[in-house]
Amino acid sequence: MTDLPQLPEPVLDPDPQRRAIRLEIEVPGTPEEVWAAIATGPGISSWYVPHTVEERTGGTATASFGPGPEMQIEGRVHAWEPPHRIVFGGERLEDGLAFEWLVEAREGGTCVVRLVNSGFGDGQPWDDQYDDMVGGWRLFLRNLWLHRTFFPGRQAVAALPMASWPVAGEAAWSRLAAGSGLPLRSSPGERVAASGAGVPPLAGTVVEAGPTTLTLLLDEPAPGTAFVAAEGQAVSVWAYLYGDQAAEQAAAHQEAWQAWLASAAD
C-alpha cells in the first residue's frame, strides 16, 4: 500500500434553474502556474482533451474529442486576462455554451480554480446535457488536481479510448474487470495491473475507486493518470501520459485499448 493525499471533490454551487454549472477546486501552484494549466493548449491537453489555444482575446481555440472532423470543436477566446480570467465560447459568446475560468491565489502556494459553464437552454435534452456535463467536469477537475499535484510543470498526452457495450453499469464493470484482469473492487493506495492474453499494459496505484470507476496514478505504460469507467453503456480506459515518449505511448494506448474494448463488447 502507498499513502496518497486524498483526491478532493470539486465543490458545486447548485443552480436551481440549471442554466449554469459553477464548480471550483483548490490546486497546488502559483496563479501563473495554474493559468498555464487552464488557459494554454499544452496545459489543457494535460488533464482534459487535446486543445490548441491562440493566446489572446479573439484568438481561436479548438478542442479535439476524437479522431473525426466532426469531433473537432472550434471556438474563440472571448476574454484573456492572465493569470486570473479566461472565457471560451463559440464564434459569438451569446450563442451556445460558454466557459469562464477564474484563478484566485490562496495562502500556502495554492489557487482556487472556478469554472462557470453557462448557456444551457430549456427542456429535457438540455437538462440531460447539464447532468452529464456536471459529472464530466467533476472528473476533469480532479484530473487537473492530479496534474498539478503529481506532475507540476510537465505536459501530458491524452489517449481517450471508449466503446459502447450492450451491457451497462455494474454488469459492464464486471465484464471489464473479468476481461482485463483489473480488480472488481480495490482500495486507495493499492497497486493494480491489467493482465491476461491480449490485454494492453496498464498498471498503477489506486487514487480512488468507485462502484464502476477506477482512478490511477500510472507507472505503466508510462507515468501518468488514468480513469477506467463503466458509465451507462460507455466503457472507457482514458490515460494521460508523461515523458519523452508520451506521444508514441499515448498513440499505442489509444489503438490497443480501443481494439480491446471493441473485442470485449460481444
C-alpha atoms as a PDB file:
ATOM      1  CA  MET A   1       0.000   0.000   0.000  1.00  0.00           C
ATOM      2  CA  THR A   2       1.100   3.560  -0.749  1.00  0.00           C
ATOM      3  CA  ASP A   3      -0.098   6.581   1.215  1.00  0.00           C
ATOM      4  CA  LEU A   4      -1.544   9.214  -1.113  1.00  0.00           C
ATOM      5  CA  PRO A   5      -3.227  12.543  -0.417  1.00  0.00           C
ATOM      6  CA  GLN A   6      -6.986  12.285  -0.719  1.00  0.00           C
ATOM      7  CA  LEU A   7      -8.375  13.277  -4.080  1.00  0.00           C
ATOM      8  CA  PRO A   8     -10.548  16.353  -3.432  1.00  0.00           C
ATOM      9  CA  GLU A   9     -14.137  16.606  -4.597  1.00  0.00           C
ATOM     10  CA  PRO A  10     -14.879  19.728  -6.670  1.00  0.00           C
ATOM     11  CA  VAL A  11     -17.381  21.991  -4.926  1.00  0.00           C
ATOM     12  CA  LEU A  12     -20.611  22.551  -6.851  1.00  0.00           C
ATOM     13  CA  ASP A  13     -22.662  25.705  -6.364  1.00  0.00           C
ATOM     14  CA  PRO A  14     -26.187  24.449  -7.172  1.00  0.00           C
ATOM     15  CA  ASP A  15     -28.258  26.324  -9.744  1.00  0.00           C
ATOM     16  CA  PRO A  16     -31.985  25.559  -9.324  1.00  0.00           C
ATOM     17  CA  GLN A  17     -32.656  26.958 -12.800  1.00  0.00           C
ATOM     18  CA  ARG A  18     -29.988  24.648 -14.318  1.00  0.00           C
ATOM     19  CA  ARG A  19     -28.682  27.379 -16.579  1.00  0.00           C
ATOM     20  CA  ALA A  20     -25.061  27.407 -15.392  1.00  0.00           C
ATOM     21  CA  ILE A  21     -22.615  24.959 -13.828  1.00  0.00           C
ATOM     22  CA  ARG A  22     -20.441  26.525 -11.133  1.00  0.00           C
ATOM     23  CA  LEU A  23     -17.638  24.342  -9.835  1.00  0.00           C
ATOM     24  CA  GLU A  24     -14.404  25.047  -8.014  1.00  0.00           C
ATOM     25  CA  ILE A  25     -11.367  23.138  -6.798  1.00  0.00           C
ATOM     26  CA  GLU A  26      -8.168  24.129  -4.981  1.00  0.00           C
ATOM     27  CA  VAL A  27      -4.955  23.033  -6.687  1.00  0.00           C
ATOM     28  CA  PRO A  28      -1.246  23.484  -5.969  1.00  0.00           C
ATOM     29  CA  GLY A  29       0.645  26.254  -7.738  1.00  0.00           C
ATOM     30  CA  THR A  30       1.029  29.968  -8.220  1.00  0.00           C
ATOM     31  CA  PRO A  31      -1.543  31.853 -10.326  1.00  0.00           C
ATOM     32  CA  GLU A  32       0.915  31.860 -13.232  1.00  0.00           C
ATOM     33  CA  GLU A  33       1.477  28.095 -12.983  1.00  0.00           C
ATOM     34  CA  VAL A  34      -2.232  27.337 -12.693  1.00  0.00           C
ATOM     35  CA  TRP A  35      -3.010  29.754 -15.538  1.00  0.00           C
ATOM     36  CA  ALA A  36      -0.658  27.797 -17.794  1.00  0.00           C
ATOM     37  CA  ALA A  37      -2.639  24.652 -16.961  1.00  0.00           C
ATOM     38  CA  ILE A  38      -6.114  26.075 -17.671  1.00  0.00           C
ATOM     39  CA  ALA A  39      -5.509  28.642 -20.433  1.00  0.00           C
ATOM     40  CA  THR A  40      -2.897  27.188 -22.825  1.00  0.00           C
ATOM     41  CA  GLY A  41      -3.146  24.341 -25.306  1.00  0.00           C
ATOM     42  CA  PRO A  42      -0.417  22.147 -23.759  1.00  0.00           C
ATOM     43  CA  GLY A  43      -1.768  22.805 -20.270  1.00  0.00           C
ATOM     44  CA  ILE A  44      -5.417  21.986 -21.013  1.00  0.00           C
ATOM     45  CA  SER A  45      -4.381  18.927 -23.050  1.00  0.00           C
ATOM     46  CA  SER A  46      -2.634  17.523 -19.962  1.00  0.00           C
ATOM     47  CA  TRP A  47      -5.851  16.997 -17.987  1.00  0.00           C
ATOM     48  CA  TYR A  48      -8.838  17.473 -20.339  1.00  0.00           C
ATOM     49  CA  VAL A  49      -8.928  16.751 -24.086  1.00  0.00           C
ATOM     50  CA  PRO A  50      -6.351  17.835 -26.695  1.00  0.00           C
ATOM     51  CA  HIS A  51      -6.562  21.600 -27.230  1.00  0.00           C
ATOM     52  CA  THR A  52      -4.980  24.336 -29.238  1.00  0.00           C
ATOM     53  CA  VAL A  53      -5.371  27.912 -27.983  1.00  0.00           C
ATOM     54  CA  GLU A  54      -4.350  31.162 -29.633  1.00  0.00           C
ATOM     55  CA  GLU A  55      -3.337  33.063 -26.508  1.00  0.00           C
ATOM     56  CA  ARG A  56      -5.086  36.401 -26.936  1.00  0.00           C
ATOM     57  CA  THR A  57      -8.552  37.930 -26.812  1.00  0.00           C
ATOM     58  CA  GLY A  58     -10.291  36.965 -30.036  1.00  0.00           C
ATOM     59  CA  GLY A  59      -7.950  34.047 -30.616  1.00  0.00           C
ATOM     60  CA  THR A  60      -9.124  30.668 -31.840  1.00  0.00           C
ATOM     61  CA  ALA A  61      -9.449  27.610 -29.610  1.00  0.00           C
ATOM     62  CA  THR A  62     -10.028  24.041 -30.774  1.00  0.00           C
ATOM     63  CA  ALA A  63     -10.945  21.038 -28.617  1.00  0.00           C
ATOM     64  CA  SER A  64     -10.463  17.539 -30.042  1.00  0.00           C
ATOM     65  CA  PHE A  65     -12.920  14.987 -28.652  1.00  0.00           C
ATOM     66  CA  GLY A  66     -11.969  12.228 -31.103  1.00  0.00           C
ATOM     67  CA  PRO A  67     -10.321  11.440 -34.442  1.00  0.00           C
ATOM     68  CA  GLY A  68     -13.076  12.524 -36.866  1.00  0.00           C
ATOM     69  CA  PRO A  69     -13.563  16.049 -38.208  1.00  0.00           C
ATOM     70  CA  GLU A  70     -16.969  16.202 -36.520  1.00  0.00           C
ATOM     71  CA  MET A  71     -15.189  15.773 -33.172  1.00  0.00           C
ATOM     72  CA  GLN A  72     -13.082  18.916 -33.589  1.00  0.00           C
ATOM     73  CA  ILE A  73     -14.947  21.692 -31.773  1.00  0.00           C
ATOM     74  CA  GLU A  74     -13.824  25.148 -32.767  1.00  0.00           C
ATOM     75  CA  GLY A  75     -14.317  28.163 -30.536  1.00  0.00           C
ATOM     76  CA  ARG A  76     -12.893  31.511 -29.609  1.00  0.00           C
ATOM     77  CA  VAL A  77     -11.171  33.196 -26.674  1.00  0.00           C
ATOM     78  CA  HIS A  78     -13.596  35.935 -25.600  1.00  0.00           C
ATOM     79  CA  ALA A  79     -11.575  37.175 -22.622  1.00  0.00           C
ATOM     80  CA  TRP A  80      -7.847  36.830 -21.966  1.00  0.00           C
ATOM     81  CA  GLU A  81      -6.790  38.296 -18.606  1.00  0.00           C
ATOM     82  CA  PRO A  82      -3.708  36.402 -17.396  1.00  0.00           C
ATOM     83  CA  PRO A  83      -3.271  34.992 -14.866  1.00  0.00           C
ATOM     84  CA  HIS A  84      -6.802  35.278 -13.499  1.00  0.00           C
ATOM     85  CA  ARG A  85      -9.590  35.004 -16.100  1.00  0.00           C
ATOM     86  CA  ILE A  86     -10.229  33.410 -19.476  1.00  0.00           C
ATOM     87  CA  VAL A  87     -13.520  32.869 -21.304  1.00  0.00           C
ATOM     88  CA  PHE A  88     -14.045  30.343 -24.097  1.00  0.00           C
ATOM     89  CA  GLY A  89     -17.151  30.176 -26.282  1.00  0.00           C
ATOM     90  CA  GLY A  90     -18.441  29.928 -29.810  1.00  0.00           C
ATOM     91  CA  GLU A  91     -17.937  32.483 -32.542  1.00  0.00           C
ATOM     92  CA  ARG A  92     -20.391  34.715 -30.669  1.00  0.00           C
ATOM     93  CA  LEU A  93     -20.378  34.454 -26.894  1.00  0.00           C
ATOM     94  CA  GLU A  94     -24.162  34.698 -26.635  1.00  0.00           C
ATOM     95  CA  ASP A  95     -24.672  31.651 -28.887  1.00  0.00           C
ATOM     96  CA  GLY A  96     -24.326  28.242 -27.229  1.00  0.00           C
ATOM     97  CA  LEU A  97     -22.261  27.251 -24.225  1.00  0.00           C
ATOM     98  CA  ALA A  98     -19.619  29.489 -22.663  1.00  0.00           C
ATOM     99  CA  PHE A  99     -16.814  28.561 -20.266  1.00  0.00           C
ATOM    100  CA  GLU A 100     -15.371  31.119 -17.863  1.00  0.00           C
ATOM    101  CA  TRP A 101     -12.306  30.114 -15.837  1.00  0.00           C
ATOM    102  CA  LEU A 102     -11.156  32.119 -12.805  1.00  0.00           C
ATOM    103  CA  VAL A 103      -7.929  31.688 -10.825  1.00  0.00           C
ATOM    104  CA  GLU A 104      -7.620  33.072  -7.285  1.00  0.00           C
ATOM    105  CA  ALA A 105      -4.479  32.733  -5.173  1.00  0.00           C
ATOM    106  CA  ARG A 106      -4.660  31.301  -1.690  1.00  0.00           C
ATOM    107  CA  GLU A 107      -2.072  31.227   1.086  1.00  0.00           C
ATOM    108  CA  GLY A 108       0.270  28.292   1.145  1.00  0.00           C
ATOM    109  CA  GLY A 109       1.042  28.078  -2.562  1.00  0.00           C
ATOM    110  CA  THR A 110      -2.354  27.025  -3.891  1.00  0.00           C
ATOM    111  CA  CYS A 111      -5.050  28.539  -6.074  1.00  0.00           C
ATOM    112  CA  VAL A 112      -8.795  28.116  -6.319  1.00  0.00           C
ATOM    113  CA  VAL A 113      -9.900  27.376  -9.876  1.00  0.00           C
ATOM    114  CA  ARG A 114     -13.524  28.290 -10.604  1.00  0.00           C
ATOM    115  CA  LEU A 115     -15.469  27.230 -13.681  1.00  0.00           C
ATOM    116  CA  VAL A 116     -18.720  28.879 -14.767  1.00  0.00           C
ATOM    117  CA  ASN A 117     -20.192  26.880 -17.654  1.00  0.00           C
ATOM    118  CA  SER A 118     -23.245  28.835 -18.889  1.00  0.00           C
ATOM    119  CA  GLY A 119     -25.583  28.941 -21.875  1.00  0.00           C
ATOM    120  CA  PHE A 120     -27.872  25.983 -21.192  1.00  0.00           C
ATOM    121  CA  GLY A 121     -31.337  26.132 -22.758  1.00  0.00           C
ATOM    122  CA  ASP A 122     -34.753  24.833 -21.739  1.00  0.00           C
ATOM    123  CA  GLY A 123     -36.156  21.319 -21.983  1.00  0.00           C
ATOM    124  CA  GLN A 124     -35.236  17.748 -21.162  1.00  0.00           C
ATOM    125  CA  PRO A 125     -32.353  17.408 -23.667  1.00  0.00           C
ATOM    126  CA  TRP A 126     -30.668  20.432 -22.098  1.00  0.00           C
ATOM    127  CA  ASP A 127     -31.328  19.054 -18.593  1.00  0.00           C
ATOM    128  CA  ASP A 128     -29.737  15.746 -19.575  1.00  0.00           C
ATOM    129  CA  GLN A 129     -26.733  17.543 -21.027  1.00  0.00           C
ATOM    130  CA  TYR A 130     -26.443  19.612 -17.850  1.00  0.00           C
ATOM    131  CA  ASP A 131     -26.268  16.484 -15.674  1.00  0.00           C
ATOM    132  CA  ASP A 132     -23.756  14.801 -17.986  1.00  0.00           C
ATOM    133  CA  MET A 133     -21.527  17.871 -18.036  1.00  0.00           C
ATOM    134  CA  VAL A 134     -21.567  18.219 -14.235  1.00  0.00           C
ATOM    135  CA  GLY A 135     -20.262  14.652 -13.996  1.00  0.00           C
ATOM    136  CA  GLY A 136     -17.711  15.217 -16.727  1.00  0.00           C
ATOM    137  CA  TRP A 137     -16.362  18.429 -15.239  1.00  0.00           C
ATOM    138  CA  ARG A 138     -16.040  16.798 -11.810  1.00  0.00           C
ATOM    139  CA  LEU A 139     -13.781  14.142 -13.356  1.00  0.00           C
ATOM    140  CA  PHE A 140     -11.672  16.584 -15.326  1.00  0.00           C
ATOM    141  CA  LEU A 141     -11.205  18.999 -12.418  1.00  0.00           C
ATOM    142  CA  ARG A 142      -9.982  16.114 -10.321  1.00  0.00           C
ATOM    143  CA  ASN A 143      -7.529  15.305 -13.074  1.00  0.00           C
ATOM    144  CA  LEU A 144      -6.410  18.936 -13.045  1.00  0.00           C
ATOM    145  CA  TRP A 145      -5.649  18.463  -9.332  1.00  0.00           C
ATOM    146  CA  LEU A 146      -3.703  15.272 -10.080  1.00  0.00           C
ATOM    147  CA  HIS A 147      -1.807  17.021 -12.873  1.00  0.00           C
ATOM    148  CA  ARG A 148      -0.812  19.942 -10.663  1.00  0.00           C
ATOM    149  CA  THR A 149      -0.097  17.750  -7.602  1.00  0.00           C
ATOM    150  CA  PHE A 150       1.983  14.966  -9.121  1.00  0.00           C
ATOM    151  CA  PHE A 151       3.266  16.367 -12.431  1.00  0.00           C
ATOM    152  CA  PRO A 152       3.760  20.135 -11.943  1.00  0.00           C
ATOM    153  CA  GLY A 153       5.457  21.845 -14.849  1.00  0.00           C
ATOM    154  CA  ARG A 154       5.146  18.833 -17.119  1.00  0.00           C
ATOM    155  CA  GLN A 155       2.949  18.152 -20.151  1.00  0.00           C
ATOM    156  CA  ALA A 156       0.849  15.057 -20.789  1.00  0.00           C
ATOM    157  CA  VAL A 157      -0.519  13.492 -23.953  1.00  0.00           C
ATOM    158  CA  ALA A 158      -4.087  12.208 -23.702  1.00  0.00           C
ATOM    159  CA  ALA A 159      -5.410   8.882 -25.005  1.00  0.00           C
ATOM    160  CA  LEU A 160      -9.191   8.510 -24.709  1.00  0.00           C
ATOM    161  CA  PRO A 161     -10.341   5.051 -25.892  1.00  0.00           C
ATOM    162  CA  MET A 162     -14.036   4.402 -25.326  1.00  0.00           C
ATOM    163  CA  ALA A 163     -16.681   1.968 -26.567  1.00  0.00           C
ATOM    164  CA  SER A 164     -20.387   1.329 -26.149  1.00  0.00           C
ATOM    165  CA  TRP A 165     -21.226  -2.102 -24.754  1.00  0.00           C
ATOM    166  CA  PRO A 166     -24.547  -3.991 -24.819  1.00  0.00           C
ATOM    167  CA  VAL A 167     -24.490  -4.149 -21.009  1.00  0.00           C
ATOM    168  CA  ALA A 168     -24.388  -1.208 -18.632  1.00  0.00           C
ATOM    169  CA  GLY A 169     -23.286  -0.107 -15.166  1.00  0.00           C
ATOM    170  CA  GLU A 170     -22.348  -2.894 -12.746  1.00  0.00           C
ATOM    171  CA  ALA A 171     -22.710  -5.555 -15.451  1.00  0.00           C
ATOM    172  CA  ALA A 172     -20.346  -3.675 -17.756  1.00  0.00           C
ATOM    173  CA  TRP A 173     -17.885  -3.123 -14.900  1.00  0.00           C
ATOM    174  CA  SER A 174     -17.918  -6.828 -14.038  1.00  0.00           C
ATOM    175  CA  ARG A 175     -17.225  -7.714 -17.662  1.00  0.00           C
ATOM    176  CA  LEU A 176     -14.440  -5.137 -17.856  1.00  0.00           C
ATOM    177  CA  ALA A 177     -12.801  -6.403 -14.673  1.00  0.00           C
ATOM    178  CA  ALA A 178     -13.075 -10.056 -15.666  1.00  0.00           C
ATOM    179  CA  GLY A 179     -11.646  -9.456 -19.124  1.00  0.00           C
ATOM    180  CA  SER A 180      -8.877  -7.019 -18.269  1.00  0.00           C
ATOM    181  CA  GLY A 181      -7.640  -8.550 -15.032  1.00  0.00           C
ATOM    182  CA  LEU A 182      -8.265  -5.300 -13.163  1.00  0.00           C
ATOM    183  CA  PRO A 183      -9.876  -5.823  -9.743  1.00  0.00           C
ATOM    184  CA  LEU A 184     -13.629  -5.654  -9.370  1.00  0.00           C
ATOM    185  CA  ARG A 185     -13.043  -3.829  -6.079  1.00  0.00           C
ATOM    186  CA  SER A 186      -9.908  -2.052  -4.828  1.00  0.00           C
ATOM    187  CA  SER A 187      -8.751   0.494  -2.249  1.00  0.00           C
ATOM    188  CA  PRO A 188      -6.719   3.717  -2.442  1.00  0.00           C
ATOM    189  CA  GLY A 189      -3.001   3.042  -2.194  1.00  0.00           C
ATOM    190  CA  GLU A 190      -3.274  -0.444  -3.711  1.00  0.00           C
ATOM    191  CA  ARG A 191      -1.226  -1.202  -6.842  1.00  0.00           C
ATOM    192  CA  VAL A 192      -3.262  -2.847  -9.587  1.00  0.00           C
ATOM    193  CA  ALA A 193      -2.416  -4.083 -13.074  1.00  0.00           C
ATOM    194  CA  ALA A 194      -4.265  -5.258 -16.150  1.00  0.00           C
ATOM    195  CA  SER A 195      -3.360  -8.796 -17.154  1.00  0.00           C
ATOM    196  CA  GLY A 196      -4.268 -11.607 -19.484  1.00  0.00           C
ATOM    197  CA  ALA A 197      -3.752 -12.624 -23.084  1.00  0.00           C
ATOM    198  CA  GLY A 198      -4.145  -9.698 -25.435  1.00  0.00           C
ATOM    199  CA  VAL A 199      -4.781  -7.166 -22.649  1.00  0.00           C
ATOM    200  CA  PRO A 200      -2.800  -3.937 -23.205  1.00  0.00           C
ATOM    201  CA  PRO A 201      -0.477  -2.736 -20.433  1.00  0.00           C
ATOM    202  CA  LEU A 202      -1.985  -0.629 -17.661  1.00  0.00           C
ATOM    203  CA  ALA A 203      -0.750  -0.526 -14.074  1.00  0.00           C
ATOM    204  CA  GLY A 204      -0.534   1.923 -11.223  1.00  0.00           C
ATOM    205  CA  THR A 205      -1.622   2.966  -7.771  1.00  0.00           C
ATOM    206  CA  VAL A 206      -5.299   3.414  -6.970  1.00  0.00           C
ATOM    207  CA  VAL A 207      -6.135   7.013  -6.077  1.00  0.00           C
ATOM    208  CA  GLU A 208      -9.868   6.444  -5.859  1.00  0.00           C
ATOM    209  CA  ALA A 209     -12.214   3.525  -6.512  1.00  0.00           C
ATOM    210  CA  GLY A 210     -15.966   3.734  -7.044  1.00  0.00           C
ATOM    211  CA  PRO A 211     -18.546   1.059  -7.825  1.00  0.00           C
ATOM    212  CA  THR A 212     -17.839   1.313 -11.565  1.00  0.00           C
ATOM    213  CA  THR A 213     -14.776   3.586 -11.729  1.00  0.00           C
ATOM    214  CA  LEU A 214     -11.072   3.464 -11.018  1.00  0.00           C
ATOM    215  CA  THR A 215      -8.668   6.422 -10.826  1.00  0.00           C
ATOM    216  CA  LEU A 216      -4.985   5.537 -11.101  1.00  0.00           C
ATOM    217  CA  LEU A 217      -1.557   7.097 -10.853  1.00  0.00           C
ATOM    218  CA  LEU A 218       0.125   5.131 -13.608  1.00  0.00           C
ATOM    219  CA  ASP A 219       3.557   3.588 -13.820  1.00  0.00           C
ATOM    220  CA  GLU A 220       2.734   1.506 -16.932  1.00  0.00           C
ATOM    221  CA  PRO A 221       2.759   2.087 -19.869  1.00  0.00           C
ATOM    222  CA  ALA A 222       4.271   5.377 -18.628  1.00  0.00           C
ATOM    223  CA  PRO A 223       3.956   7.775 -15.709  1.00  0.00           C
ATOM    224  CA  GLY A 224       0.576   9.485 -15.761  1.00  0.00           C
ATOM    225  CA  THR A 225      -3.041   9.296 -14.713  1.00  0.00           C
ATOM    226  CA  ALA A 226      -5.860   7.017 -15.844  1.00  0.00           C
ATOM    227  CA  PHE A 227      -9.622   6.813 -15.482  1.00  0.00           C
ATOM    228  CA  VAL A 228     -11.224   3.433 -16.049  1.00  0.00           C
ATOM    229  CA  ALA A 229     -15.010   3.602 -16.037  1.00  0.00           C
ATOM    230  CA  ALA A 230     -18.284   1.938 -16.985  1.00  0.00           C
ATOM    231  CA  GLU A 231     -20.866   4.716 -17.035  1.00  0.00           C
ATOM    232  CA  GLY A 232     -24.095   3.514 -18.526  1.00  0.00           C
ATOM    233  CA  GLN A 233     -23.096   1.586 -21.641  1.00  0.00           C
ATOM    234  CA  ALA A 234     -19.989   3.750 -22.183  1.00  0.00           C
ATOM    235  CA  VAL A 235     -16.816   1.925 -21.151  1.00  0.00           C
ATOM    236  CA  SER A 236     -13.536   3.838 -21.177  1.00  0.00           C
ATOM    237  CA  VAL A 237      -9.851   3.447 -20.327  1.00  0.00           C
ATOM    238  CA  TRP A 238      -8.566   7.007 -20.510  1.00  0.00           C
ATOM    239  CA  ALA A 239      -4.904   7.820 -19.890  1.00  0.00           C
ATOM    240  CA  TYR A 240      -2.774  10.962 -19.683  1.00  0.00           C
ATOM    241  CA  LEU A 241       0.880  10.043 -20.188  1.00  0.00           C
ATOM    242  CA  TYR A 242       4.067  11.983 -19.409  1.00  0.00           C
ATOM    243  CA  GLY A 243       7.657  11.620 -20.540  1.00  0.00           C
ATOM    244  CA  ASP A 244       9.826  11.847 -23.636  1.00  0.00           C
ATOM    245  CA  GLN A 245       7.924   9.009 -25.341  1.00  0.00           C
ATOM    246  CA  ALA A 246       4.457  10.140 -24.267  1.00  0.00           C
ATOM    247  CA  ALA A 247       3.160  10.838 -27.785  1.00  0.00           C
ATOM    248  CA  GLU A 248       4.110   7.386 -29.075  1.00  0.00           C
ATOM    249  CA  GLN A 249       2.911   5.654 -25.904  1.00  0.00           C
ATOM    250  CA  ALA A 250      -0.405   7.509 -25.934  1.00  0.00           C
ATOM    251  CA  ALA A 251      -0.986   6.570 -29.576  1.00  0.00           C
ATOM    252  CA  ALA A 252      -0.241   2.932 -28.762  1.00  0.00           C
ATOM    253  CA  HIS A 253      -2.558   3.041 -25.727  1.00  0.00           C
ATOM    254  CA  GLN A 254      -5.345   4.546 -27.825  1.00  0.00           C
ATOM    255  CA  GLU A 255      -5.065   1.925 -30.557  1.00  0.00           C
ATOM    256  CA  ALA A 256      -4.596  -1.094 -28.285  1.00  0.00           C
ATOM    257  CA  TRP A 257      -7.337  -0.297 -25.763  1.00  0.00           C
ATOM    258  CA  GLN A 258      -9.775   0.837 -28.442  1.00  0.00           C
ATOM    259  CA  ALA A 259      -9.358  -2.516 -30.169  1.00  0.00           C
ATOM    260  CA  TRP A 260      -9.634  -4.420 -26.883  1.00  0.00           C
ATOM    261  CA  LEU A 261     -12.789  -2.568 -25.834  1.00  0.00           C
ATOM    262  CA  ALA A 262     -14.367  -3.320 -29.206  1.00  0.00           C
ATOM    263  CA  SER A 263     -13.479  -7.014 -28.982  1.00  0.00           C
ATOM    264  CA  ALA A 264     -14.744  -7.297 -25.381  1.00  0.00           C
ATOM    265  CA  ALA A 265     -18.100  -5.747 -26.240  1.00  0.00           C
ATOM    266  CA  ASP A 266     -19.526  -9.013 -27.572  1.00  0.00           C
END
